[in-house]
């Protein structure tokens, strides 16, 4: 959802609030302030110009990327990318809405001699290259390339929260910069992904801004004007109690206690849980549906929620409803996500015609952001999840009615296929609104905020490893 959030911000809202300011600024500096005596050495059509630009863009990216990790106030523009506890290609799309306002500034030194067209080609190549390294499927691509290029192995280290991996491997395309400047770390132990202090929320807006809220509280609590300034420009882990550590003391980082021996123990515990569960069913005559999470933790069916483990699935963490999301709600969110994604892509395509007025594009962008926020609220088991989702659906129906009755719809001359698709979406949204209303009338979504209470008030058992939804008829002795 954070990837879709960033897509809306960079593709839908830009037409309403901003243009390609990085292109404008780079071209302005090159046109008015470039070092003209270097023009013969950097012609736009030269292969050597292209090679120099390739290394120059990546060199500046290394320092820009390193700055976002090692300067606290800039970390807020990059933290979203590291908040995922899964490492796959979708992680590459998980970006902060603030990052595009910062990263291009570091590239401006190239504008004094590098032609804009060459620069923009290599800037986009640099971004595209980094997409494929976000995978845990490819283990290694061979020693010669591993020594020179940034690879999935190197980038897994960068995304890990293991103490030895913190603030390592900033490379974009070439890992040589990390080797040169002392920030390289080879992959030597299993990586555990995510933030040092995990973000326990599916709300995309909170994911984007939570660090700045935390930084504000840290700023206010830090004594002394100088210390307050230092907490903004030094590392996110810096503390006035240990000022000698610019990036924070690595000894204060929480340990990652996951290894192969523990994995074997977990498998044995899971087998014991299955036996215990069978005994409980024989005694209580329950009808039980058990869903195992993708994590491996040491628990027993009757135990209280265990302490946080880095492999725990977010949906089962304490504070997110205490229970897993039923399949019907997962299917609902999946359908709504697909509908909203189609609408976002359609809006981006229509925006290329410059027909939509600015205020309508702004409203659509806000609506799409609210949509993904609503989906996150459902996964969070938020108190007002029903209300927020119902209001979202009703607003869409109102906007849809307004659009198709306005002169703008007839002026667009949309193909019949598009009109039919919009009709299908309108029907699906209306059915969804009716279904939400019926679900609201029948009771809570799936768990109370305290957990352990089902829709009909019957007590249920829930823990981090298993979620048991049952109507229990205990034997009366």
Protein backbone atom coordinates (compact mmCIF):
# COMPACT_ATOMS: atom_id res chain seq x y z
CA UNK A 1 0.00 0.00 0.00
CA UNK A 2 2.95 2.33 0.63
CA UNK A 3 4.06 1.74 -2.97
CA UNK A 4 0.62 2.74 -4.25
CA UNK A 5 0.66 5.73 -1.90
CA UNK A 6 3.95 6.89 -3.45
CA UNK A 7 2.59 6.31 -6.96
CA UNK A 8 -0.37 8.58 -6.26
CA UNK A 9 1.86 11.28 -4.81
CA UNK A 10 4.31 11.23 -7.69
CA UNK A 11 1.91 10.71 -10.62
CA UNK A 12 -1.53 12.05 -9.65
CA UNK A 13 -0.84 14.95 -7.31
CA UNK A 14 2.15 16.43 -9.20
CA UNK A 15 -0.16 17.84 -11.86
CA UNK A 16 -2.07 19.65 -9.15
CA UNK A 17 0.76 20.96 -7.01
CA UNK A 18 4.12 20.74 -8.78
CA UNK A 19 5.98 19.86 -11.93
CA UNK A 20 9.27 18.10 -12.57
CA UNK A 21 11.27 20.46 -10.41
CA UNK A 22 14.41 18.32 -10.57
CA UNK A 23 14.40 18.57 -14.37
CA UNK A 24 13.74 22.30 -14.27
CA UNK A 25 16.45 23.04 -11.71
CA UNK A 26 19.08 20.85 -13.36
CA UNK A 27 18.41 22.35 -16.80
CA UNK A 28 18.41 25.89 -15.40
CA UNK A 29 21.82 25.44 -13.76
CA UNK A 30 23.28 23.80 -16.87
CA UNK A 31 21.94 26.51 -19.17
CA UNK A 32 23.06 29.47 -17.07
CA UNK A 33 25.95 28.37 -14.85
CA UNK A 34 27.72 25.44 -16.49
CA UNK A 35 31.49 25.61 -16.93
CA UNK A 36 31.52 26.33 -20.65
CA UNK A 37 35.20 25.64 -21.17
CA UNK A 38 34.37 21.97 -20.43
CA UNK A 39 31.79 21.71 -23.21
CA UNK A 40 34.25 20.21 -25.74
CA UNK A 41 35.13 17.47 -23.24
CA UNK A 42 31.51 16.47 -22.50
CA UNK A 43 29.58 16.37 -25.78
CA UNK A 44 26.08 14.98 -25.46
CA UNK A 45 26.65 12.18 -27.98
CA UNK A 46 29.99 10.89 -26.65
CA UNK A 47 30.36 7.40 -25.18
CA UNK A 48 32.94 8.76 -22.70
CA UNK A 49 30.46 11.36 -21.50
CA UNK A 50 27.97 8.56 -20.91
CA UNK A 51 30.49 6.43 -18.98
CA UNK A 52 31.58 9.37 -16.79
CA UNK A 53 27.92 10.19 -16.12
CA UNK A 54 27.21 6.56 -15.20
CA UNK A 55 29.86 6.60 -12.47
CA UNK A 56 29.16 10.21 -11.48
CA UNK A 57 25.44 9.63 -10.87
CA UNK A 58 26.14 6.50 -8.83
CA UNK A 59 28.90 8.19 -6.82
CA UNK A 60 26.57 11.04 -5.86
CA UNK A 61 23.78 8.56 -5.17
CA UNK A 62 26.05 6.74 -2.70
CA UNK A 63 26.57 9.92 -0.69
CA UNK A 64 22.94 10.99 -0.92
CA UNK A 65 21.83 7.53 0.23
CA UNK A 66 24.36 7.53 3.04
CA UNK A 67 23.21 10.96 4.16
CA UNK A 68 19.59 9.78 4.46
CA UNK A 69 20.78 7.05 6.83
CA UNK A 70 23.29 9.02 8.87
CA UNK A 71 21.52 12.38 9.25
CA UNK A 72 18.54 12.05 11.50
CA UNK A 73 16.26 14.61 9.88
CA UNK A 74 16.89 13.04 6.44
CA UNK A 75 16.24 9.52 7.72
CA UNK A 76 12.55 10.42 7.78
CA UNK A 77 12.61 10.71 3.98
CA UNK A 78 13.92 7.15 3.59
CA UNK A 79 12.64 5.17 6.58
CA UNK A 80 9.50 4.03 4.72
CA UNK A 81 11.63 2.02 2.30
CA UNK A 82 13.15 0.08 5.22
CA UNK A 83 9.94 -0.44 7.20
CA UNK A 84 8.93 -3.63 5.38
CA UNK A 85 9.68 -6.88 7.18
CA UNK A 86 9.51 -8.76 3.90
CA UNK A 87 12.24 -8.48 1.29
CA UNK A 88 10.98 -8.82 -2.27
CA UNK A 89 10.52 -6.77 -5.43
CA UNK A 90 7.56 -4.94 -3.90
CA UNK A 91 9.93 -3.52 -1.28
CA UNK A 92 11.64 -1.54 -4.04
CA UNK A 93 8.36 0.33 -4.62
CA UNK A 94 7.88 1.12 -0.94
CA UNK A 95 9.03 4.74 -0.96
CA UNK A 96 8.56 7.88 1.09
CA UNK A 97 6.60 10.73 -0.46
CA UNK A 98 9.28 13.12 0.84
CA UNK A 99 12.28 11.42 -0.76
CA UNK A 100 11.85 12.87 -4.24
CA UNK A 101 12.19 16.37 -2.78
CA UNK A 102 15.63 15.59 -1.34
CA UNK A 103 17.53 13.05 -3.47
CA UNK A 104 17.88 15.09 -6.66
CA UNK A 105 19.55 17.98 -4.82
CA UNK A 106 22.71 15.90 -4.41
CA UNK A 107 22.92 15.48 -8.20
CA UNK A 108 23.09 19.20 -8.94
CA UNK A 109 26.92 19.36 -9.03
CA UNK A 110 26.73 17.40 -12.29
CA UNK A 111 24.68 20.22 -13.80
CA UNK A 112 27.81 22.37 -14.03
CA UNK A 113 29.22 20.24 -16.85
CA UNK A 114 27.02 17.22 -17.68
CA UNK A 115 24.35 17.64 -20.43
CA UNK A 116 20.79 17.26 -19.03
CA UNK A 117 19.75 14.53 -21.48
CA UNK A 118 22.71 12.32 -20.59
CA UNK A 119 22.17 12.93 -16.89
CA UNK A 120 18.47 12.02 -16.91
CA UNK A 121 19.10 8.82 -18.86
CA UNK A 122 21.61 7.60 -16.29
CA UNK A 123 19.60 8.85 -13.34
CA UNK A 124 16.67 6.69 -14.41
CA UNK A 125 18.94 3.77 -15.22
CA UNK A 126 20.35 3.99 -11.69
CA UNK A 127 16.84 3.74 -10.22
CA UNK A 128 15.76 0.90 -12.54
CA UNK A 129 18.89 -1.13 -11.76
CA UNK A 130 18.11 -1.06 -8.03
CA UNK A 131 14.74 -2.73 -8.56
CA UNK A 132 16.05 -6.25 -9.18
CA UNK A 133 18.38 -6.34 -6.16
CA UNK A 134 15.35 -6.40 -3.85
CA UNK A 135 14.99 -10.18 -3.78
CA UNK A 136 15.95 -13.05 -1.49
CA UNK A 137 15.65 -15.60 -4.30
CA UNK A 138 19.02 -14.89 -5.93
CA UNK A 139 21.76 -15.85 -3.50
CA UNK A 140 24.87 -14.86 -5.50
CA UNK A 141 25.82 -13.92 -9.05
CA UNK A 142 29.49 -14.91 -8.82
CA UNK A 143 32.62 -13.43 -7.29
CA UNK A 144 33.80 -11.09 -10.07
CA UNK A 145 30.46 -9.27 -10.31
CA UNK A 146 29.84 -9.44 -6.55
CA UNK A 147 33.10 -7.54 -6.06
CA UNK A 148 32.14 -4.67 -8.39
CA UNK A 149 28.36 -4.49 -8.64
CA UNK A 150 25.60 -4.01 -6.10
CA UNK A 151 23.81 -7.37 -5.93
CA UNK A 152 20.86 -8.90 -4.03
CA UNK A 153 23.31 -10.33 -1.50
CA UNK A 154 24.84 -6.91 -0.78
CA UNK A 155 21.48 -5.17 -0.64
CA UNK A 156 19.98 -7.76 1.72
CA UNK A 157 22.66 -6.69 4.16
CA UNK A 158 21.62 -3.07 3.70
CA UNK A 159 17.96 -3.84 4.50
CA UNK A 160 18.69 -6.08 7.50
CA UNK A 161 18.31 -4.93 11.08
CA UNK A 162 21.00 -7.25 12.41
CA UNK A 163 23.37 -5.10 14.50
CA UNK A 164 26.40 -5.95 12.35
CA UNK A 165 24.50 -4.94 9.20
CA UNK A 166 23.30 -1.51 10.37
CA UNK A 167 24.46 1.40 8.14
CA UNK A 168 26.21 -0.79 5.58
CA UNK A 169 26.19 -1.20 1.77
CA UNK A 170 24.73 2.10 0.52
CA UNK A 171 25.60 1.38 -3.12
CA UNK A 172 23.19 1.93 -5.98
CA UNK A 173 24.88 0.23 -8.94
CA UNK A 174 28.54 -0.19 -7.95
CA UNK A 175 29.53 -1.64 -4.56
CA UNK A 176 33.03 -0.23 -5.03
CA UNK A 177 32.03 2.97 -3.21
CA UNK A 178 31.28 1.03 -0.01
CA UNK A 179 34.58 -0.80 -0.31
CA UNK A 180 36.41 2.50 -0.79
CA UNK A 181 34.75 4.41 2.06
CA UNK A 182 34.54 1.67 4.70
CA UNK A 183 30.82 0.90 4.69
CA UNK A 184 30.94 -2.54 3.06
CA UNK A 185 29.76 -5.64 4.89
CA UNK A 186 29.46 -9.10 3.26
CA UNK A 187 26.43 -11.29 3.87
CA UNK A 188 27.60 -13.65 6.60
CA UNK A 189 24.45 -14.40 8.62
CA UNK A 190 20.75 -14.64 7.94
CA UNK A 191 19.19 -11.20 7.52
CA UNK A 192 16.18 -10.11 9.58
CA UNK A 193 14.45 -7.27 7.79
CA UNK A 194 12.67 -4.16 8.98
CA UNK A 195 13.38 -1.33 11.37
CA UNK A 196 15.34 -1.65 14.58
CA UNK A 197 12.14 -0.64 16.35
CA UNK A 198 9.45 -2.21 14.11
CA UNK A 199 6.54 -0.15 12.92
CA UNK A 200 3.37 -1.96 14.00
CA UNK A 201 0.84 -0.38 11.67
CA UNK A 202 -0.68 -0.84 8.23
CA UNK A 203 -1.72 2.81 8.00
CA UNK A 204 0.19 4.26 5.00
CA UNK A 205 -0.11 7.85 6.26
CA UNK A 206 1.29 6.93 9.68
CA UNK A 207 4.04 4.94 7.95
CA UNK A 208 5.04 8.10 6.08
CA UNK A 209 5.06 10.50 9.03
CA UNK A 210 5.63 8.44 12.18
CA UNK A 211 9.37 9.06 12.31
CA UNK A 212 8.96 12.83 12.25
CA UNK A 213 6.53 12.55 15.16
CA UNK A 214 9.11 10.51 17.07
CA UNK A 215 11.87 12.94 16.12
CA UNK A 216 9.80 15.87 17.38
CA UNK A 217 9.32 14.16 20.75
CA UNK A 218 13.04 13.41 20.89
CA UNK A 219 13.85 17.02 19.98
CA UNK A 220 11.64 18.36 22.78
CA UNK A 221 12.98 15.92 25.37
CA UNK A 222 16.65 16.57 24.56
CA UNK A 223 18.17 19.13 26.97
CA UNK A 224 20.16 22.09 25.67
CA UNK A 225 19.91 24.02 22.43
CA UNK A 226 23.11 22.52 20.98
CA UNK A 227 22.01 18.97 21.78
CA UNK A 228 18.65 19.65 20.15
CA UNK A 229 20.41 20.70 16.96
CA UNK A 230 22.72 17.68 17.09
CA UNK A 231 19.81 15.27 17.40
CA UNK A 232 18.63 16.57 14.01
CA UNK A 233 21.94 16.39 12.13
CA UNK A 234 23.57 13.34 13.69
CA UNK A 235 22.47 9.73 13.29
CA UNK A 236 19.01 8.48 14.29
CA UNK A 237 20.58 6.51 17.16
CA UNK A 238 22.63 9.43 18.53
CA UNK A 239 22.07 10.33 22.18
CA UNK A 240 23.46 13.19 24.30
CA UNK A 241 24.25 10.53 26.92
CA UNK A 242 26.77 8.99 24.52
CA UNK A 243 27.88 11.89 22.32
CA UNK A 244 31.02 10.07 21.14
CA UNK A 245 28.88 7.78 18.95
CA UNK A 246 27.82 9.87 15.96
CA UNK A 247 25.41 7.22 14.65
CA UNK A 248 24.53 5.74 18.03
CA UNK A 249 26.05 2.96 20.10
CA UNK A 250 25.59 -0.39 18.31
CA UNK A 251 25.65 -2.09 21.72
CA UNK A 252 22.27 -0.50 22.42
CA UNK A 253 20.65 -2.19 19.42
CA UNK A 254 18.30 -5.09 20.20
CA UNK A 255 19.83 -8.46 19.45
CA UNK A 256 18.43 -10.71 16.76
CA UNK A 257 18.15 -14.13 18.39
CA UNK A 258 17.27 -16.23 15.39
CA UNK A 259 19.52 -19.01 14.13
CA UNK A 260 19.33 -22.46 12.63
CA UNK A 261 19.28 -24.22 15.99
CA UNK A 262 16.29 -22.17 17.08
CA UNK A 263 14.55 -23.01 13.81
CA UNK A 264 14.88 -26.73 14.59
CA UNK A 265 13.52 -26.15 18.10
CA UNK A 266 10.59 -24.25 16.65
CA UNK A 267 9.69 -27.14 14.35
CA UNK A 268 9.66 -29.52 17.32
CA UNK A 269 7.51 -27.11 19.34
CA UNK A 270 5.04 -26.84 16.47
CA UNK A 271 4.64 -30.62 16.43
CA UNK A 272 3.99 -30.60 20.19
CA UNK A 273 1.40 -27.85 19.70
CA UNK A 274 -0.46 -29.97 17.18
CA UNK A 275 -0.62 -32.86 19.67
CA UNK A 276 -1.76 -30.55 22.47
CA UNK A 277 -4.38 -29.02 20.19
CA UNK A 278 -5.77 -32.47 19.37
CA UNK A 279 -6.10 -33.28 23.08
CA UNK A 280 -7.88 -30.01 23.76
CA UNK A 281 -10.36 -30.67 20.95
CA UNK A 282 -11.22 -34.11 22.36
CA UNK A 283 -12.02 -32.61 25.73
CA UNK A 284 -13.92 -29.50 24.67
CA UNK A 285 -15.78 -30.71 21.53
CA UNK A 286 -14.89 -27.64 19.57
CA UNK A 287 -15.21 -26.81 15.92
CA UNK A 288 -11.92 -25.09 15.23
CA UNK A 289 -10.24 -23.42 12.32
CA UNK A 290 -6.54 -22.92 12.83
CA UNK A 291 -4.45 -20.69 10.64
CA UNK A 292 -0.67 -20.87 11.05
CA UNK A 293 1.20 -17.69 10.43
CA UNK A 294 4.25 -17.52 8.19
CA UNK A 295 6.41 -17.08 11.30
CA UNK A 296 8.11 -19.64 13.48
CA UNK A 297 7.85 -18.84 17.20
CA UNK A 298 8.03 -20.77 20.43
CA UNK A 299 4.54 -20.74 21.96
CA UNK A 300 1.96 -23.09 23.37
CA UNK A 301 -1.79 -22.91 22.61
CA UNK A 302 -2.70 -21.82 26.11
CA UNK A 303 0.07 -19.29 26.57
CA UNK A 304 -0.24 -15.54 26.57
CA UNK A 305 1.16 -13.57 23.62
CA UNK A 306 4.91 -14.02 23.50
CA UNK A 307 7.43 -11.15 23.29
CA UNK A 308 8.02 -9.68 19.85
CA UNK A 309 10.00 -11.88 17.51
CA UNK A 310 11.45 -10.43 14.30
CA UNK A 311 9.69 -13.09 12.24
CA UNK A 312 6.22 -12.40 13.68
CA UNK A 313 3.60 -11.48 11.10
CA UNK A 314 2.29 -7.95 11.61
CA UNK A 315 -1.35 -9.01 11.59
CA UNK A 316 -0.90 -11.11 14.72
CA UNK A 317 0.98 -8.60 16.83
CA UNK A 318 -0.46 -7.33 20.03
CA UNK A 319 -2.05 -3.93 19.42
CA UNK A 320 -3.39 -4.80 15.96
CA UNK A 321 -6.57 -6.42 17.23
CA UNK A 322 -4.94 -9.44 18.80
CA UNK A 323 -6.16 -11.75 16.04
CA UNK A 324 -5.85 -12.61 12.40
CA UNK A 325 -8.00 -11.03 9.73
CA UNK A 326 -10.72 -13.42 8.50
CA UNK A 327 -10.60 -14.55 4.90
CA UNK A 328 -13.73 -12.61 3.93
CA UNK A 329 -12.07 -9.34 4.96
CA UNK A 330 -8.85 -10.21 3.19
CA UNK A 331 -10.85 -10.93 0.03
CA UNK A 332 -12.74 -7.66 0.47
CA UNK A 333 -9.56 -5.59 0.81
CA UNK A 334 -8.01 -7.40 -2.16
CA UNK A 335 -11.02 -6.57 -4.37
CA UNK A 336 -11.11 -2.94 -3.24
CA UNK A 337 -7.35 -2.62 -3.70
CA UNK A 338 -7.69 -3.92 -7.27
CA UNK A 339 -10.55 -1.51 -8.02
CA UNK A 340 -8.66 1.46 -6.59
CA UNK A 341 -5.49 0.53 -8.49
CA UNK A 342 -7.42 0.41 -11.76
CA UNK A 343 -8.88 3.83 -10.99
CA UNK A 344 -5.43 5.24 -10.15
CA UNK A 345 -3.93 3.97 -13.40
CA UNK A 346 -6.91 5.28 -15.35
CA UNK A 347 -6.54 8.68 -13.73
CA UNK A 348 -2.83 8.78 -14.59
CA UNK A 349 -3.65 7.96 -18.21
CA UNK A 350 -6.36 10.64 -18.41
CA UNK A 351 -4.02 13.13 -16.78
CA UNK A 352 -1.72 12.89 -19.81
CA UNK A 353 -4.43 14.56 -21.89
CA UNK A 354 -4.40 17.63 -19.61
CA UNK A 355 -8.20 17.60 -19.68
CA UNK A 356 -8.87 17.13 -15.99
CA UNK A 357 -8.98 20.42 -14.06
CA UNK A 358 -6.44 20.86 -11.30
CA UNK A 359 -8.95 20.80 -8.44
CA UNK A 360 -10.43 17.51 -9.67
CA UNK A 361 -7.00 15.89 -9.89
CA UNK A 362 -6.26 17.05 -6.34
CA UNK A 363 -9.56 15.60 -5.07
CA UNK A 364 -8.90 12.29 -6.80
CA UNK A 365 -5.41 12.12 -5.33
CA UNK A 366 -6.75 12.76 -1.83
CA UNK A 367 -9.49 10.17 -2.34
CA UNK A 368 -6.99 7.50 -3.43
CA UNK A 369 -4.75 8.22 -0.44
CA UNK A 370 -7.79 7.96 1.84
CA UNK A 371 -8.66 4.63 0.19
CA UNK A 372 -5.33 3.00 0.97
CA UNK A 373 -5.47 4.46 4.46
CA UNK A 374 -8.87 2.82 4.92
CA UNK A 375 -7.45 -0.56 3.88
CA UNK A 376 -4.68 -0.16 6.43
CA UNK A 377 -7.25 0.74 9.10
CA UNK A 378 -9.10 -2.51 8.40
CA UNK A 379 -5.90 -4.54 8.79
CA UNK A 380 -5.13 -2.60 11.98
CA UNK A 381 -8.60 -3.47 13.33
CA UNK A 382 -9.13 0.25 13.87
CA UNK A 383 -12.01 1.48 15.99
CA UNK A 384 -13.56 3.42 13.12
CA UNK A 385 -12.64 1.03 10.30
CA UNK A 386 -16.29 0.39 9.39
CA UNK A 387 -17.23 4.06 9.44
CA UNK A 388 -14.20 5.20 7.46
CA UNK A 389 -14.67 2.56 4.77
CA UNK A 390 -18.40 3.23 4.41
CA UNK A 391 -17.82 6.97 4.07
CA UNK A 392 -15.12 6.29 1.46
CA UNK A 393 -17.47 4.17 -0.65
CA UNK A 394 -20.31 6.70 -0.44
CA UNK A 395 -17.96 9.55 -1.45
CA UNK A 396 -16.89 7.57 -4.49
CA UNK A 397 -20.50 7.04 -5.55
CA UNK A 398 -21.20 10.77 -5.15
CA UNK A 399 -18.11 11.73 -7.16
CA UNK A 400 -18.95 9.16 -9.82
CA UNK A 401 -22.49 10.55 -10.20
CA UNK A 402 -21.16 14.10 -10.39
CA UNK A 403 -18.55 13.19 -13.03
CA UNK A 404 -20.88 11.35 -15.41
CA UNK A 405 -23.50 14.11 -15.27
CA UNK A 406 -20.99 16.91 -15.84
CA UNK A 407 -20.01 18.33 -19.26
CA UNK A 408 -16.47 17.05 -18.69
CA UNK A 409 -17.53 13.40 -19.19
CA UNK A 410 -19.07 14.10 -22.60
CA UNK A 411 -16.07 16.19 -23.69
CA UNK A 412 -13.67 13.33 -23.01
CA UNK A 413 -15.42 11.06 -25.51
CA UNK A 414 -14.45 7.92 -23.61
CA UNK A 415 -14.60 4.58 -25.47
CA UNK A 416 -17.59 2.30 -24.71
CA UNK A 417 -15.27 -0.21 -23.01
CA UNK A 418 -14.18 2.43 -20.48
CA UNK A 419 -17.78 3.43 -19.80
CA UNK A 420 -18.77 -0.21 -19.27
CA UNK A 421 -15.83 -0.74 -16.92
CA UNK A 422 -16.81 2.31 -14.88
CA UNK A 423 -20.36 0.93 -14.67
CA UNK A 424 -19.07 -2.40 -13.34
CA UNK A 425 -16.93 -0.58 -10.76
CA UNK A 426 -19.93 1.53 -9.74
CA UNK A 427 -21.99 -1.61 -9.16
CA UNK A 428 -19.20 -3.28 -7.17
CA UNK A 429 -18.77 -0.21 -4.99
CA UNK A 430 -22.53 -0.03 -4.34
CA UNK A 431 -22.60 -3.72 -3.35
CA UNK A 432 -19.57 -3.15 -1.13
CA UNK A 433 -21.29 -0.25 0.63
CA UNK A 434 -24.35 -2.43 1.26
CA UNK A 435 -22.20 -5.27 2.55
CA UNK A 436 -20.27 -2.96 4.88
CA UNK A 437 -23.57 -1.63 6.27
CA UNK A 438 -24.83 -5.15 6.93
CA UNK A 439 -21.56 -6.15 8.58
CA UNK A 440 -21.67 -3.05 10.75
CA UNK A 441 -25.19 -3.90 11.89
CA UNK A 442 -24.16 -7.46 12.79
CA UNK A 443 -21.29 -6.57 15.13
CA UNK A 444 -17.51 -6.07 15.33
CA UNK A 445 -15.33 -6.95 12.34
CA UNK A 446 -13.45 -9.88 13.79
CA UNK A 447 -11.93 -9.09 17.17
CA UNK A 448 -12.42 -6.52 19.88
CA UNK A 449 -9.64 -4.04 20.60
CA UNK A 450 -8.68 -6.11 23.63
CA UNK A 451 -8.64 -9.28 21.53
CA UNK A 452 -10.19 -12.59 22.57
CA UNK A 453 -13.83 -11.63 21.95
CA UNK A 454 -15.59 -12.87 18.84
CA UNK A 455 -18.53 -11.26 17.09
CA UNK A 456 -21.15 -13.05 19.19
CA UNK A 457 -19.32 -12.46 22.45
CA UNK A 458 -17.99 -16.00 22.83
CA UNK A 459 -14.55 -16.30 24.35
CA UNK A 460 -11.88 -17.48 21.94
CA UNK A 461 -8.23 -18.36 22.23
CA UNK A 462 -5.64 -16.42 20.31
CA UNK A 463 -1.87 -16.21 20.39
CA UNK A 464 0.98 -15.19 18.12
CA UNK A 465 1.55 -18.59 16.56
CA UNK A 466 -2.08 -19.67 16.07
CA UNK A 467 -5.42 -17.98 15.76
CA UNK A 468 -8.33 -20.16 16.85
CA UNK A 469 -11.84 -19.02 15.98
CA UNK A 470 -14.35 -21.33 17.63
CA UNK A 471 -17.76 -21.68 19.20
CA UNK A 472 -16.94 -23.79 22.24
CA UNK A 473 -19.29 -26.05 24.10
CA UNK A 474 -17.45 -27.09 27.21
CA UNK A 475 -18.36 -30.21 29.05
CA UNK A 476 -20.13 -29.54 32.29
CA UNK A 477 -18.63 -31.76 34.98
